[in-house]
């Protein structure tokens, strides 16, 4: 996302990718997984948007959306601009939007997206709050040093990074989502779904790219990638539905959330307050409400 050239170090990952999937826990974690009854989350469903590739799960309410992350990061950028200008340098806010990647943790789940993109995840545009500016002019060494200094001193300006999959995150939401991924991968319904899918794609002469992955080998041409992706989707549908792994994941999330709703409500309030504070910072810097 091009909020500013010097913001590369400000954790823009969530604005560049949509709710990146939590990495699967290593096998040794299997014995330390909590005992969660998935039926406690029965009825929870994932929302899969076939136009944009966006996936929403019960825990999505407690992470920034891609749009919210653009707003919060833009507010942080303006505070850094202020710091640099206080040091005597002129800064032109850079603007620009972001891009978000289709959730692909279980491979392709949409026939329209498979027909359009084949094996490649859909990338959607996330609108920015400022128009993108031309390329940045060269900066003096002193100016660059001041930007680094201000980036470090401003930090997150008290605006939390509420993004799924951040390295080193030990928060409750991270624990719930990580547990849900691992529990899903060990769930008997998921294992049966996976086995049925593997048998189906093998029967169609397709090979899984590597053990445990949802990627299938193809010739590399766009036409063949689309052919393979459509067969992949057909096999998921024949095995119980392409959305089934996401619904299992949603139920494991929901089952864990029941015992922590008060903490999660507080987190939702924190997120709402952070986004509102970020919007006010942007208003104070001349960004119109229509952009927010």
Foldseek 3Di string as FASTA:
>chain_A
DPQDPLCPVQPLVCLAAPQAAADADPPVCLVVFDDFDLVLLPPFFWDADQVALDIDFPLNLLADGSQLSLLLVNLLVVQLQVQLVVVPDHDDGFKDGYKYWHHAQQFDAHLVCLLVFQRGTGIDIHHHLDDGDPDDDDDDPVSSVSSVVSCVVCRSVPQDRRGAHDPPDPDPSNSQLNSLSNCLVVDPLNVQLVVQLCVQCVVVVWDAPDPPGNDIDFPPDRVGSSVSRNSSNVSSVVSPHSRVSVGSSNSSSSRVCVVVVVVSVVSSVSSVVSSVVSVVSVVVVPRDPVSD
